[in-house]
Amino acid sequence: MRFDTVLIANRGEIAVRIIRACREQNLGCVSVYSTADRDALHVKFADRAVCIGAPATADSYLRMDSIIEACRQTGATAVHPGFGFLSENAEFAKLCRENDITFIGPSPECIAMLGDKAQAKETMKAAGVPVIPGSEGALHSIEEAKEIAKKIGYPVLVKASAGGGGRGIRRVDSEEQLEEQLHVAQEEAKKFFGDDTVYLEKLIVGPHHVEVQIIADEYGNTVALGERDCSMQRRNQKVLEESPSPLMTPELRDAMQKAAVAAAKACGYCNAGTIEFLVDHIGDFLAAISLLAQMPHIIFGQLCRIVCRIFFHIGCIQFIFHIHIVP
């Protein structure tokens, strides 16, 4: 579907980067904002801006109906969700489709599959991608959590299914801590993502956190652009990201990039995305059961010059890309 105006369903630096990219493609830009952000840069930088609610994210940036209504008001026929907020919400992607609005991201079916941790884990395993031990999907009770934690061994992590940015993650070192930390993670997940679904995962102690950036079109063409090492973190928030990762050998990089491409293809992923890996002290790597839907990372804006020619078809977008690695 051809579009000439994009609504950015995000805020701050993320939204500003999307607006700049749209301007390069001669696309109109619409920002949305909460009452707390009325003077924010992304509001002033856009061609038009629409207030969608109160300061709390649940009353503004997570309000799907308000964002769809903002599209109607402004004539925007495409939505770029950025990352976080509604970027990995299958219901929102489906709602966009039902209202003839192009959702710039993975299909609702792909997002839903990745949101089903049990299905995603089986898909990854079938593709030969090593995964982190944990629950086979969402936790439904504290009893279930205790049973799984006992099986895989402490320490474990309670993680938000719809999470990102270090939110909704709690470390648990013993069964006595589990119930309290489970509730804390659920409350934080509900606050930031509008979804209190959580799952359990084995905590790999002292790993390197390495992310592989991929880009994929809807015809199954998938390319790994490289990796970044995000191991320096504070409270699960990345402090410094480095590329290339100092951990890498040619053999490890090749294996991880092949695993990332296999994971994306197995999930039917289409868009720019990130596959997260944890690498232990002996060089074994395990994939987290998630593909982060996001624009190419700013680090890769420095490492790669990605030229995208966008071809519009009825109901779809095809990305043809040429990649030049800067020495």
C-alpha atoms as a PDB file:
ATOM      1  CA  MET A   1       0.000   0.000   0.000  1.00  0.00           C
ATOM      2  CA  ARG A   2       1.418   3.387  -1.011  1.00  0.00           C
ATOM      3  CA  PHE A   3       1.636   6.017   1.705  1.00  0.00           C
ATOM      4  CA  ASP A   4       2.951   9.557   1.901  1.00  0.00           C
ATOM      5  CA  THR A   5       2.443  10.371   5.582  1.00  0.00           C
ATOM      6  CA  VAL A   6       3.743   8.400   8.558  1.00  0.00           C
ATOM      7  CA  LEU A   7       2.526   8.697  12.135  1.00  0.00           C
ATOM      8  CA  ILE A   8       5.256   7.954  14.681  1.00  0.00           C
ATOM      9  CA  ALA A   9       3.748   6.155  17.675  1.00  0.00           C
ATOM     10  CA  ASN A  10       6.672   6.905  19.974  1.00  0.00           C
ATOM     11  CA  ARG A  11       8.445   9.774  21.660  1.00  0.00           C
ATOM     12  CA  GLY A  12      11.777  11.471  22.283  1.00  0.00           C
ATOM     13  CA  GLU A  13      14.997  10.579  20.491  1.00  0.00           C
ATOM     14  CA  ILE A  14      13.421   7.511  18.890  1.00  0.00           C
ATOM     15  CA  ALA A  15      10.700   9.583  17.249  1.00  0.00           C
ATOM     16  CA  VAL A  16      13.169  12.238  16.100  1.00  0.00           C
ATOM     17  CA  ARG A  17      15.304   9.640  14.331  1.00  0.00           C
ATOM     18  CA  ILE A  18      12.239   8.261  12.537  1.00  0.00           C
ATOM     19  CA  ILE A  19      11.177  11.760  11.484  1.00  0.00           C
ATOM     20  CA  ARG A  20      14.629  12.382  10.005  1.00  0.00           C
ATOM     21  CA  ALA A  21      14.478   9.110   8.089  1.00  0.00           C
ATOM     22  CA  CYS A  22      11.015   9.962   6.758  1.00  0.00           C
ATOM     23  CA  ARG A  23      12.221  13.367   5.608  1.00  0.00           C
ATOM     24  CA  GLU A  24      14.972  11.673   3.599  1.00  0.00           C
ATOM     25  CA  GLN A  25      12.214   9.721   1.820  1.00  0.00           C
ATOM     26  CA  ASN A  26      10.078  12.870   1.322  1.00  0.00           C
ATOM     27  CA  LEU A  27       7.370  11.483   3.604  1.00  0.00           C
ATOM     28  CA  GLY A  28       5.150  13.635   5.803  1.00  0.00           C
ATOM     29  CA  CYS A  29       5.513  13.120   9.568  1.00  0.00           C
ATOM     30  CA  VAL A  30       2.961  13.164  12.365  1.00  0.00           C
ATOM     31  CA  SER A  31       4.008  12.991  16.012  1.00  0.00           C
ATOM     32  CA  VAL A  32       1.821  11.992  18.923  1.00  0.00           C
ATOM     33  CA  TYR A  33       2.412  13.176  22.477  1.00  0.00           C
ATOM     34  CA  SER A  34       1.137  13.067  26.026  1.00  0.00           C
ATOM     35  CA  THR A  35       0.338  16.292  27.868  1.00  0.00           C
ATOM     36  CA  ALA A  36       3.712  15.975  29.627  1.00  0.00           C
ATOM     37  CA  ASP A  37       5.530  15.994  26.252  1.00  0.00           C
ATOM     38  CA  ARG A  38       3.785  18.917  24.581  1.00  0.00           C
ATOM     39  CA  ASP A  39       7.071  20.873  24.376  1.00  0.00           C
ATOM     40  CA  ALA A  40       9.267  17.889  23.428  1.00  0.00           C
ATOM     41  CA  LEU A  41      11.549  18.041  20.378  1.00  0.00           C
ATOM     42  CA  HIS A  42       9.704  15.299  18.491  1.00  0.00           C
ATOM     43  CA  VAL A  43       6.518  17.371  18.736  1.00  0.00           C
ATOM     44  CA  LYS A  44       8.158  20.514  17.361  1.00  0.00           C
ATOM     45  CA  PHE A  45      10.119  18.634  14.684  1.00  0.00           C
ATOM     46  CA  ALA A  46       7.127  16.915  13.036  1.00  0.00           C
ATOM     47  CA  ASP A  47       4.878  18.390  10.345  1.00  0.00           C
ATOM     48  CA  ARG A  48       1.865  17.860  12.616  1.00  0.00           C
ATOM     49  CA  ALA A  49       1.368  16.716  16.199  1.00  0.00           C
ATOM     50  CA  VAL A  50      -1.632  15.251  18.005  1.00  0.00           C
ATOM     51  CA  CYS A  51      -2.143  14.985  21.773  1.00  0.00           C
ATOM     52  CA  ILE A  52      -3.254  11.469  22.686  1.00  0.00           C
ATOM     53  CA  GLY A  53      -3.669  11.616  26.457  1.00  0.00           C
ATOM     54  CA  ALA A  54      -2.364  12.125  29.954  1.00  0.00           C
ATOM     55  CA  PRO A  55       1.299  11.703  31.055  1.00  0.00           C
ATOM     56  CA  ALA A  56       0.996   8.040  32.095  1.00  0.00           C
ATOM     57  CA  THR A  57       1.992   5.801  29.175  1.00  0.00           C
ATOM     58  CA  ALA A  58      -1.090   3.643  29.730  1.00  0.00           C
ATOM     59  CA  ASP A  59      -3.196   6.751  29.056  1.00  0.00           C
ATOM     60  CA  SER A  60      -1.282   7.931  25.984  1.00  0.00           C
ATOM     61  CA  TYR A  61       1.425   6.026  24.108  1.00  0.00           C
ATOM     62  CA  LEU A  62      -0.205   2.658  24.838  1.00  0.00           C
ATOM     63  CA  ARG A  63      -3.706   3.830  23.824  1.00  0.00           C
ATOM     64  CA  MET A  64      -4.246   2.022  20.519  1.00  0.00           C
ATOM     65  CA  ASP A  65      -7.624   3.648  19.872  1.00  0.00           C
ATOM     66  CA  SER A  66      -6.148   7.137  20.320  1.00  0.00           C
ATOM     67  CA  ILE A  67      -3.326   6.426  17.882  1.00  0.00           C
ATOM     68  CA  ILE A  68      -5.704   5.056  15.239  1.00  0.00           C
ATOM     69  CA  GLU A  69      -7.912   8.117  15.707  1.00  0.00           C
ATOM     70  CA  ALA A  70      -4.858  10.361  15.288  1.00  0.00           C
ATOM     71  CA  CYS A  71      -4.210   8.645  11.938  1.00  0.00           C
ATOM     72  CA  ARG A  72      -7.774   9.401  10.864  1.00  0.00           C
ATOM     73  CA  GLN A  73      -7.484  13.044  11.925  1.00  0.00           C
ATOM     74  CA  THR A  74      -4.239  13.627  10.064  1.00  0.00           C
ATOM     75  CA  GLY A  75      -4.685  11.349   7.060  1.00  0.00           C
ATOM     76  CA  ALA A  76      -1.636   9.264   7.991  1.00  0.00           C
ATOM     77  CA  THR A  77      -1.821   5.866   6.279  1.00  0.00           C
ATOM     78  CA  ALA A  78       1.243   4.338   7.926  1.00  0.00           C
ATOM     79  CA  VAL A  79       2.395   3.957  11.527  1.00  0.00           C
ATOM     80  CA  HIS A  80       5.999   3.535  12.628  1.00  0.00           C
ATOM     81  CA  PRO A  81       6.003   2.247  16.229  1.00  0.00           C
ATOM     82  CA  GLY A  82       9.726   2.739  16.866  1.00  0.00           C
ATOM     83  CA  PHE A  83      10.651   0.277  19.595  1.00  0.00           C
ATOM     84  CA  GLY A  84       9.144  -0.377  22.989  1.00  0.00           C
ATOM     85  CA  PHE A  85       5.550   0.758  23.567  1.00  0.00           C
ATOM     86  CA  LEU A  86       3.373  -0.909  20.871  1.00  0.00           C
ATOM     87  CA  SER A  87       6.143  -2.062  18.519  1.00  0.00           C
ATOM     88  CA  GLU A  88       5.737  -5.719  19.526  1.00  0.00           C
ATOM     89  CA  ASN A  89       1.985  -5.693  20.107  1.00  0.00           C
ATOM     90  CA  ALA A  90       0.231  -8.053  17.699  1.00  0.00           C
ATOM     91  CA  GLU A  91      -3.179  -6.602  18.523  1.00  0.00           C
ATOM     92  CA  PHE A  92      -2.039  -3.133  17.488  1.00  0.00           C
ATOM     93  CA  ALA A  93      -0.466  -4.388  14.251  1.00  0.00           C
ATOM     94  CA  LYS A  94      -3.726  -6.193  13.457  1.00  0.00           C
ATOM     95  CA  LEU A  95      -5.774  -3.089  14.303  1.00  0.00           C
ATOM     96  CA  CYS A  96      -3.674  -1.067  11.860  1.00  0.00           C
ATOM     97  CA  ARG A  97      -4.305  -3.637   9.141  1.00  0.00           C
ATOM     98  CA  GLU A  98      -8.053  -3.614   9.821  1.00  0.00           C
ATOM     99  CA  ASN A  99      -8.082   0.173   9.421  1.00  0.00           C
ATOM    100  CA  ASP A 100      -6.072   0.097   6.155  1.00  0.00           C
ATOM    101  CA  ILE A 101      -3.035   1.562   7.899  1.00  0.00           C
ATOM    102  CA  THR A 102       0.393   0.150   7.081  1.00  0.00           C
ATOM    103  CA  PHE A 103       2.180  -1.043  10.210  1.00  0.00           C
ATOM    104  CA  ILE A 104       5.899  -0.555   9.568  1.00  0.00           C
ATOM    105  CA  GLY A 105       7.156  -3.678  11.260  1.00  0.00           C
ATOM    106  CA  PRO A 106       6.611  -7.441  11.376  1.00  0.00           C
ATOM    107  CA  SER A 107       3.231  -8.938  10.576  1.00  0.00           C
ATOM    108  CA  PRO A 108       0.684  -9.449  13.384  1.00  0.00           C
ATOM    109  CA  GLU A 109       1.107 -13.207  12.943  1.00  0.00           C
ATOM    110  CA  CYS A 110       4.880 -13.009  13.402  1.00  0.00           C
ATOM    111  CA  ILE A 111       4.574 -10.773  16.470  1.00  0.00           C
ATOM    112  CA  ALA A 112       1.954 -13.091  17.986  1.00  0.00           C
ATOM    113  CA  MET A 113       4.139 -16.120  17.406  1.00  0.00           C
ATOM    114  CA  LEU A 114       7.137 -14.448  19.034  1.00  0.00           C
ATOM    115  CA  GLY A 115       4.915 -13.396  21.929  1.00  0.00           C
ATOM    116  CA  ASP A 116       4.052 -17.054  22.518  1.00  0.00           C
ATOM    117  CA  LYS A 117       7.294 -18.057  24.198  1.00  0.00           C
ATOM    118  CA  ALA A 118       6.508 -21.766  23.979  1.00  0.00           C
ATOM    119  CA  GLN A 119       5.879 -21.609  20.236  1.00  0.00           C
ATOM    120  CA  ALA A 120       8.843 -19.305  19.675  1.00  0.00           C
ATOM    121  CA  LYS A 121      11.159 -21.616  21.597  1.00  0.00           C
ATOM    122  CA  GLU A 122      10.052 -24.652  19.586  1.00  0.00           C
ATOM    123  CA  THR A 123      10.459 -22.684  16.348  1.00  0.00           C
ATOM    124  CA  MET A 124      13.984 -21.656  17.352  1.00  0.00           C
ATOM    125  CA  LYS A 125      14.915 -25.183  18.361  1.00  0.00           C
ATOM    126  CA  ALA A 126      13.597 -26.583  15.076  1.00  0.00           C
ATOM    127  CA  ALA A 127      15.795 -24.076  13.234  1.00  0.00           C
ATOM    128  CA  GLY A 128      18.841 -25.295  15.165  1.00  0.00           C
ATOM    129  CA  VAL A 129      19.178 -22.151  17.276  1.00  0.00           C
ATOM    130  CA  PRO A 130      20.330 -22.801  20.880  1.00  0.00           C
ATOM    131  CA  VAL A 131      17.973 -21.269  23.449  1.00  0.00           C
ATOM    132  CA  ILE A 132      18.123 -20.380  27.139  1.00  0.00           C
ATOM    133  CA  PRO A 133      16.388 -22.895  29.459  1.00  0.00           C
ATOM    134  CA  GLY A 134      13.197 -21.653  31.099  1.00  0.00           C
ATOM    135  CA  SER A 135       9.422 -21.804  31.117  1.00  0.00           C
ATOM    136  CA  GLU A 136       7.641 -22.989  27.984  1.00  0.00           C
ATOM    137  CA  GLY A 137       5.653 -19.774  27.737  1.00  0.00           C
ATOM    138  CA  ALA A 138       3.870 -17.508  30.222  1.00  0.00           C
ATOM    139  CA  LEU A 139       3.749 -18.286  33.932  1.00  0.00           C
ATOM    140  CA  HIS A 140       0.257 -18.919  35.268  1.00  0.00           C
ATOM    141  CA  SER A 141       0.919 -19.406  38.976  1.00  0.00           C
ATOM    142  CA  ILE A 142       3.575 -19.129  41.652  1.00  0.00           C
ATOM    143  CA  GLU A 143       3.470 -22.915  42.030  1.00  0.00           C
ATOM    144  CA  GLU A 144       4.377 -23.348  38.362  1.00  0.00           C
ATOM    145  CA  ALA A 145       7.205 -20.816  38.729  1.00  0.00           C
ATOM    146  CA  LYS A 146       8.621 -22.647  41.742  1.00  0.00           C
ATOM    147  CA  GLU A 147       8.533 -25.984  39.941  1.00  0.00           C
ATOM    148  CA  ILE A 148      10.343 -24.639  36.860  1.00  0.00           C
ATOM    149  CA  ALA A 149      12.929 -22.749  38.917  1.00  0.00           C
ATOM    150  CA  LYS A 150      13.692 -25.872  40.916  1.00  0.00           C
ATOM    151  CA  LYS A 151      14.137 -27.839  37.694  1.00  0.00           C
ATOM    152  CA  ILE A 152      16.500 -25.416  35.924  1.00  0.00           C
ATOM    153  CA  GLY A 153      18.222 -24.229  39.115  1.00  0.00           C
ATOM    154  CA  TYR A 154      18.682 -20.850  40.740  1.00  0.00           C
ATOM    155  CA  PRO A 155      19.478 -18.050  40.038  1.00  0.00           C
ATOM    156  CA  VAL A 156      16.663 -17.325  37.576  1.00  0.00           C
ATOM    157  CA  LEU A 157      15.159 -14.259  35.920  1.00  0.00           C
ATOM    158  CA  VAL A 158      11.495 -13.289  35.875  1.00  0.00           C
ATOM    159  CA  LYS A 159      11.004 -11.387  32.606  1.00  0.00           C
ATOM    160  CA  ALA A 160       8.157  -9.458  30.994  1.00  0.00           C
ATOM    161  CA  SER A 161       6.968 -11.122  27.785  1.00  0.00           C
ATOM    162  CA  ALA A 162       6.348  -7.742  26.167  1.00  0.00           C
ATOM    163  CA  GLY A 163       9.441  -6.224  27.736  1.00  0.00           C
ATOM    164  CA  GLY A 164      12.391  -4.243  26.539  1.00  0.00           C
ATOM    165  CA  GLY A 165      14.838  -1.638  27.745  1.00  0.00           C
ATOM    166  CA  GLY A 166      15.582  -3.524  30.949  1.00  0.00           C
ATOM    167  CA  ARG A 167      12.047  -3.094  32.292  1.00  0.00           C
ATOM    168  CA  GLY A 168      10.100  -5.924  33.892  1.00  0.00           C
ATOM    169  CA  ILE A 169      13.156  -8.037  34.758  1.00  0.00           C
ATOM    170  CA  ARG A 170      13.876  -9.363  38.245  1.00  0.00           C
ATOM    171  CA  ARG A 171      16.677 -11.625  39.465  1.00  0.00           C
ATOM    172  CA  VAL A 172      15.705 -14.379  41.909  1.00  0.00           C
ATOM    173  CA  ASP A 173      18.373 -16.245  43.872  1.00  0.00           C
ATOM    174  CA  SER A 174      16.162 -18.468  46.016  1.00  0.00           C
ATOM    175  CA  GLU A 175      12.637 -19.814  46.303  1.00  0.00           C
ATOM    176  CA  GLU A 176      11.976 -17.456  49.222  1.00  0.00           C
ATOM    177  CA  GLN A 177      12.390 -14.449  46.890  1.00  0.00           C
ATOM    178  CA  LEU A 178      10.402 -15.824  43.978  1.00  0.00           C
ATOM    179  CA  GLU A 179       6.840 -14.780  44.839  1.00  0.00           C
ATOM    180  CA  GLU A 180       7.742 -11.197  45.718  1.00  0.00           C
ATOM    181  CA  GLN A 181       9.915 -10.667  42.628  1.00  0.00           C
ATOM    182  CA  LEU A 182       7.282 -12.260  40.397  1.00  0.00           C
ATOM    183  CA  HIS A 183       4.714  -9.693  41.531  1.00  0.00           C
ATOM    184  CA  VAL A 184       7.171  -6.803  41.152  1.00  0.00           C
ATOM    185  CA  ALA A 185       7.994  -7.846  37.573  1.00  0.00           C
ATOM    186  CA  GLN A 186       4.296  -8.182  36.725  1.00  0.00           C
ATOM    187  CA  GLU A 187       3.479  -4.725  38.099  1.00  0.00           C
ATOM    188  CA  GLU A 188       6.339  -3.122  36.178  1.00  0.00           C
ATOM    189  CA  ALA A 189       5.390  -4.940  32.982  1.00  0.00           C
ATOM    190  CA  LYS A 190       1.800  -3.746  33.306  1.00  0.00           C
ATOM    191  CA  LYS A 191       2.931  -0.162  33.903  1.00  0.00           C
ATOM    192  CA  PHE A 192       5.361   0.094  30.997  1.00  0.00           C
ATOM    193  CA  PHE A 193       3.938  -2.309  28.410  1.00  0.00           C
ATOM    194  CA  GLY A 194       0.266  -2.666  29.259  1.00  0.00           C
ATOM    195  CA  ASP A 195       0.750  -6.436  29.641  1.00  0.00           C
ATOM    196  CA  ASP A 196       1.636  -8.181  32.918  1.00  0.00           C
ATOM    197  CA  THR A 197       2.535 -11.511  31.289  1.00  0.00           C
ATOM    198  CA  VAL A 198       5.892 -12.830  32.534  1.00  0.00           C
ATOM    199  CA  TYR A 199       8.020 -15.910  31.994  1.00  0.00           C
ATOM    200  CA  LEU A 200      10.975 -17.568  33.702  1.00  0.00           C
ATOM    201  CA  GLU A 201      14.474 -17.964  32.352  1.00  0.00           C
ATOM    202  CA  LYS A 202      17.732 -19.408  33.682  1.00  0.00           C
ATOM    203  CA  LEU A 203      20.154 -16.637  34.670  1.00  0.00           C
ATOM    204  CA  ILE A 204      23.472 -17.075  32.887  1.00  0.00           C
ATOM    205  CA  VAL A 205      25.964 -15.600  35.363  1.00  0.00           C
ATOM    206  CA  GLY A 206      28.568 -13.181  33.983  1.00  0.00           C
ATOM    207  CA  PRO A 207      27.826 -13.548  30.274  1.00  0.00           C
ATOM    208  CA  HIS A 208      28.545 -11.230  27.387  1.00  0.00           C
ATOM    209  CA  HIS A 209      25.334  -9.718  26.014  1.00  0.00           C
ATOM    210  CA  VAL A 210      25.776  -9.642  22.238  1.00  0.00           C
ATOM    211  CA  GLU A 211      23.111  -8.486  19.791  1.00  0.00           C
ATOM    212  CA  VAL A 212      23.126  -9.284  16.090  1.00  0.00           C
ATOM    213  CA  GLN A 213      21.415  -6.734  13.831  1.00  0.00           C
ATOM    214  CA  ILE A 214      19.472  -8.193  10.923  1.00  0.00           C
ATOM    215  CA  ILE A 215      17.319  -6.809   8.153  1.00  0.00           C
ATOM    216  CA  ALA A 216      14.785  -8.913   6.246  1.00  0.00           C
ATOM    217  CA  ASP A 217      12.301  -8.409   3.450  1.00  0.00           C
ATOM    218  CA  GLU A 218       9.006 -10.235   2.996  1.00  0.00           C
ATOM    219  CA  TYR A 219      10.449 -12.592   0.384  1.00  0.00           C
ATOM    220  CA  GLY A 220      12.714 -14.412   2.806  1.00  0.00           C
ATOM    221  CA  ASN A 221      15.894 -12.439   2.097  1.00  0.00           C
ATOM    222  CA  THR A 222      17.662 -11.893   5.405  1.00  0.00           C
ATOM    223  CA  VAL A 223      21.076 -10.382   6.102  1.00  0.00           C
ATOM    224  CA  ALA A 224      23.061 -10.102   9.340  1.00  0.00           C
ATOM    225  CA  LEU A 225      24.739  -6.694   9.445  1.00  0.00           C
ATOM    226  CA  GLY A 226      27.057  -7.362  12.369  1.00  0.00           C
ATOM    227  CA  GLU A 227      27.022  -7.411  16.139  1.00  0.00           C
ATOM    228  CA  ARG A 228      27.305  -5.071  19.081  1.00  0.00           C
ATOM    229  CA  ASP A 229      28.448  -5.953  22.586  1.00  0.00           C
ATOM    230  CA  CYS A 230      26.025  -4.601  25.199  1.00  0.00           C
ATOM    231  CA  SER A 231      27.601  -6.249  28.239  1.00  0.00           C
ATOM    232  CA  MET A 232      28.253  -3.054  30.196  1.00  0.00           C
ATOM    233  CA  GLN A 233      24.926  -2.501  31.950  1.00  0.00           C
ATOM    234  CA  ARG A 234      23.522  -0.956  35.102  1.00  0.00           C
ATOM    235  CA  ARG A 235      20.168  -2.180  36.418  1.00  0.00           C
ATOM    236  CA  ASN A 236      19.581  -4.021  33.128  1.00  0.00           C
ATOM    237  CA  GLN A 237      20.031  -0.774  31.196  1.00  0.00           C
ATOM    238  CA  LYS A 238      22.818  -0.614  28.625  1.00  0.00           C
ATOM    239  CA  VAL A 239      25.517   1.907  29.501  1.00  0.00           C
ATOM    240  CA  LEU A 240      27.933   1.332  26.627  1.00  0.00           C
ATOM    241  CA  GLU A 241      27.634  -0.577  23.355  1.00  0.00           C
ATOM    242  CA  GLU A 242      30.660  -1.584  21.333  1.00  0.00           C
ATOM    243  CA  SER A 243      30.969  -2.884  17.788  1.00  0.00           C
ATOM    244  CA  PRO A 244      32.578  -5.087  16.770  1.00  0.00           C
ATOM    245  CA  SER A 245      32.416  -7.085  19.982  1.00  0.00           C
ATOM    246  CA  PRO A 246      35.864  -7.640  21.539  1.00  0.00           C
ATOM    247  CA  LEU A 247      34.723 -11.160  22.367  1.00  0.00           C
ATOM    248  CA  MET A 248      34.431 -12.236  18.746  1.00  0.00           C
ATOM    249  CA  THR A 249      36.507 -14.661  16.773  1.00  0.00           C
ATOM    250  CA  PRO A 250      35.778 -15.170  13.064  1.00  0.00           C
ATOM    251  CA  GLU A 251      34.320 -18.598  13.863  1.00  0.00           C
ATOM    252  CA  LEU A 252      32.046 -17.337  16.668  1.00  0.00           C
ATOM    253  CA  ARG A 253      30.849 -14.387  14.591  1.00  0.00           C
ATOM    254  CA  ASP A 254      30.011 -16.650  11.660  1.00  0.00           C
ATOM    255  CA  ALA A 255      28.119 -19.100  13.886  1.00  0.00           C
ATOM    256  CA  MET A 256      26.129 -16.354  15.632  1.00  0.00           C
ATOM    257  CA  GLN A 257      25.231 -14.566  12.410  1.00  0.00           C
ATOM    258  CA  LYS A 258      24.055 -17.822  10.849  1.00  0.00           C
ATOM    259  CA  ALA A 259      21.959 -18.523  13.961  1.00  0.00           C
ATOM    260  CA  ALA A 260      20.476 -15.005  13.823  1.00  0.00           C
ATOM    261  CA  VAL A 261      19.500 -15.366  10.165  1.00  0.00           C
ATOM    262  CA  ALA A 262      18.056 -18.836  10.824  1.00  0.00           C
ATOM    263  CA  ALA A 263      16.020 -17.468  13.739  1.00  0.00           C
ATOM    264  CA  ALA A 264      14.605 -14.607  11.669  1.00  0.00           C
ATOM    265  CA  LYS A 265      13.717 -16.843   8.731  1.00  0.00           C
ATOM    266  CA  ALA A 266      12.141 -19.488  10.951  1.00  0.00           C
ATOM    267  CA  CYS A 267       9.875 -16.840  12.471  1.00  0.00           C
ATOM    268  CA  GLY A 268       8.926 -15.319   9.115  1.00  0.00           C
ATOM    269  CA  TYR A 269      10.398 -12.032  10.311  1.00  0.00           C
ATOM    270  CA  CYS A 270      10.257  -8.979   8.031  1.00  0.00           C
ATOM    271  CA  ASN A 271      11.799  -5.663   9.055  1.00  0.00           C
ATOM    272  CA  ALA A 272      14.922  -4.433  10.771  1.00  0.00           C
ATOM    273  CA  GLY A 273      15.434  -6.361  13.985  1.00  0.00           C
ATOM    274  CA  THR A 274      17.793  -7.500  16.689  1.00  0.00           C
ATOM    275  CA  ILE A 275      18.451 -11.045  17.843  1.00  0.00           C
ATOM    276  CA  GLU A 276      19.864 -11.162  21.352  1.00  0.00           C
ATOM    277  CA  PHE A 277      22.452 -13.696  22.489  1.00  0.00           C
ATOM    278  CA  LEU A 278      24.167 -14.463  25.759  1.00  0.00           C
ATOM    279  CA  VAL A 279      27.713 -15.793  25.426  1.00  0.00           C
ATOM    280  CA  ASP A 280      29.276 -17.598  28.379  1.00  0.00           C
ATOM    281  CA  HIS A 281      32.920 -17.711  29.443  1.00  0.00           C
ATOM    282  CA  ILE A 282      33.760 -20.681  27.199  1.00  0.00           C
ATOM    283  CA  GLY A 283      32.210 -19.164  24.082  1.00  0.00           C
ATOM    284  CA  ASP A 284      28.920 -21.053  23.959  1.00  0.00           C
ATOM    285  CA  PHE A 285      25.986 -18.845  22.989  1.00  0.00           C
ATOM    286  CA  LEU A 286      22.254 -19.028  23.675  1.00  0.00           C
ATOM    287  CA  ALA A 287      19.510 -17.011  22.020  1.00  0.00           C
ATOM    288  CA  ALA A 288      16.891 -15.146  23.996  1.00  0.00           C
ATOM    289  CA  ILE A 289      13.377 -15.938  22.754  1.00  0.00           C
ATOM    290  CA  SER A 290      12.737 -12.551  21.224  1.00  0.00           C
ATOM    291  CA  LEU A 291      13.289 -10.515  18.119  1.00  0.00           C
ATOM    292  CA  LEU A 292      13.317  -6.848  18.979  1.00  0.00           C
ATOM    293  CA  ALA A 293      11.414  -4.934  16.333  1.00  0.00           C
ATOM    294  CA  GLN A 294      13.327  -1.708  15.880  1.00  0.00           C
ATOM    295  CA  MET A 295      14.914   0.577  13.355  1.00  0.00           C
ATOM    296  CA  PRO A 296      18.589  -0.141  12.566  1.00  0.00           C
ATOM    297  CA  HIS A 297      20.629   0.801  15.594  1.00  0.00           C
ATOM    298  CA  ILE A 298      22.545   4.085  15.569  1.00  0.00           C
ATOM    299  CA  ILE A 299      25.826   2.171  15.911  1.00  0.00           C
ATOM    300  CA  PHE A 300      25.123   0.514  12.575  1.00  0.00           C
ATOM    301  CA  GLY A 301      24.472   3.907  11.084  1.00  0.00           C
ATOM    302  CA  GLN A 302      28.188   4.454  11.657  1.00  0.00           C
ATOM    303  CA  LEU A 303      29.375   0.998  10.622  1.00  0.00           C
ATOM    304  CA  CYS A 304      27.180   0.419   7.580  1.00  0.00           C
ATOM    305  CA  ARG A 305      25.769   2.597   4.858  1.00  0.00           C
ATOM    306  CA  ILE A 306      22.380   1.027   4.171  1.00  0.00           C
ATOM    307  CA  VAL A 307      20.620   2.247   1.075  1.00  0.00           C
ATOM    308  CA  CYS A 308      16.977   1.157   0.904  1.00  0.00           C
ATOM    309  CA  ARG A 309      14.847   1.444  -2.159  1.00  0.00           C
ATOM    310  CA  ILE A 310      11.239   0.973  -1.153  1.00  0.00           C
ATOM    311  CA  PHE A 311       8.846  -0.654  -3.561  1.00  0.00           C
ATOM    312  CA  PHE A 312       5.173  -0.379  -2.775  1.00  0.00           C
ATOM    313  CA  HIS A 313       2.773  -3.200  -3.479  1.00  0.00           C
ATOM    314  CA  ILE A 314      -0.789  -3.737  -2.422  1.00  0.00           C
ATOM    315  CA  GLY A 315      -0.670  -4.471   1.283  1.00  0.00           C
ATOM    316  CA  CYS A 316       3.087  -4.890   1.536  1.00  0.00           C
ATOM    317  CA  ILE A 317       6.468  -3.228   1.416  1.00  0.00           C
ATOM    318  CA  GLN A 318       9.604  -4.748  -0.077  1.00  0.00           C
ATOM    319  CA  PHE A 319      13.018  -3.551   1.033  1.00  0.00           C
ATOM    320  CA  ILE A 320      15.939  -3.941  -1.375  1.00  0.00           C
ATOM    321  CA  PHE A 321      19.173  -3.106   0.388  1.00  0.00           C
ATOM    322  CA  HIS A 322      22.814  -2.668  -0.518  1.00  0.00           C
ATOM    323  CA  ILE A 323      25.267  -2.845   2.347  1.00  0.00           C
ATOM    324  CA  HIS A 324      28.700  -1.230   2.324  1.00  0.00           C
ATOM    325  CA  ILE A 325      30.860  -1.845   5.376  1.00  0.00           C
ATOM    326  CA  VAL A 326      32.879   1.235   6.270  1.00  0.00           C
ATOM    327  CA  PRO A 327      36.522   0.249   6.898  1.00  0.00           C
END
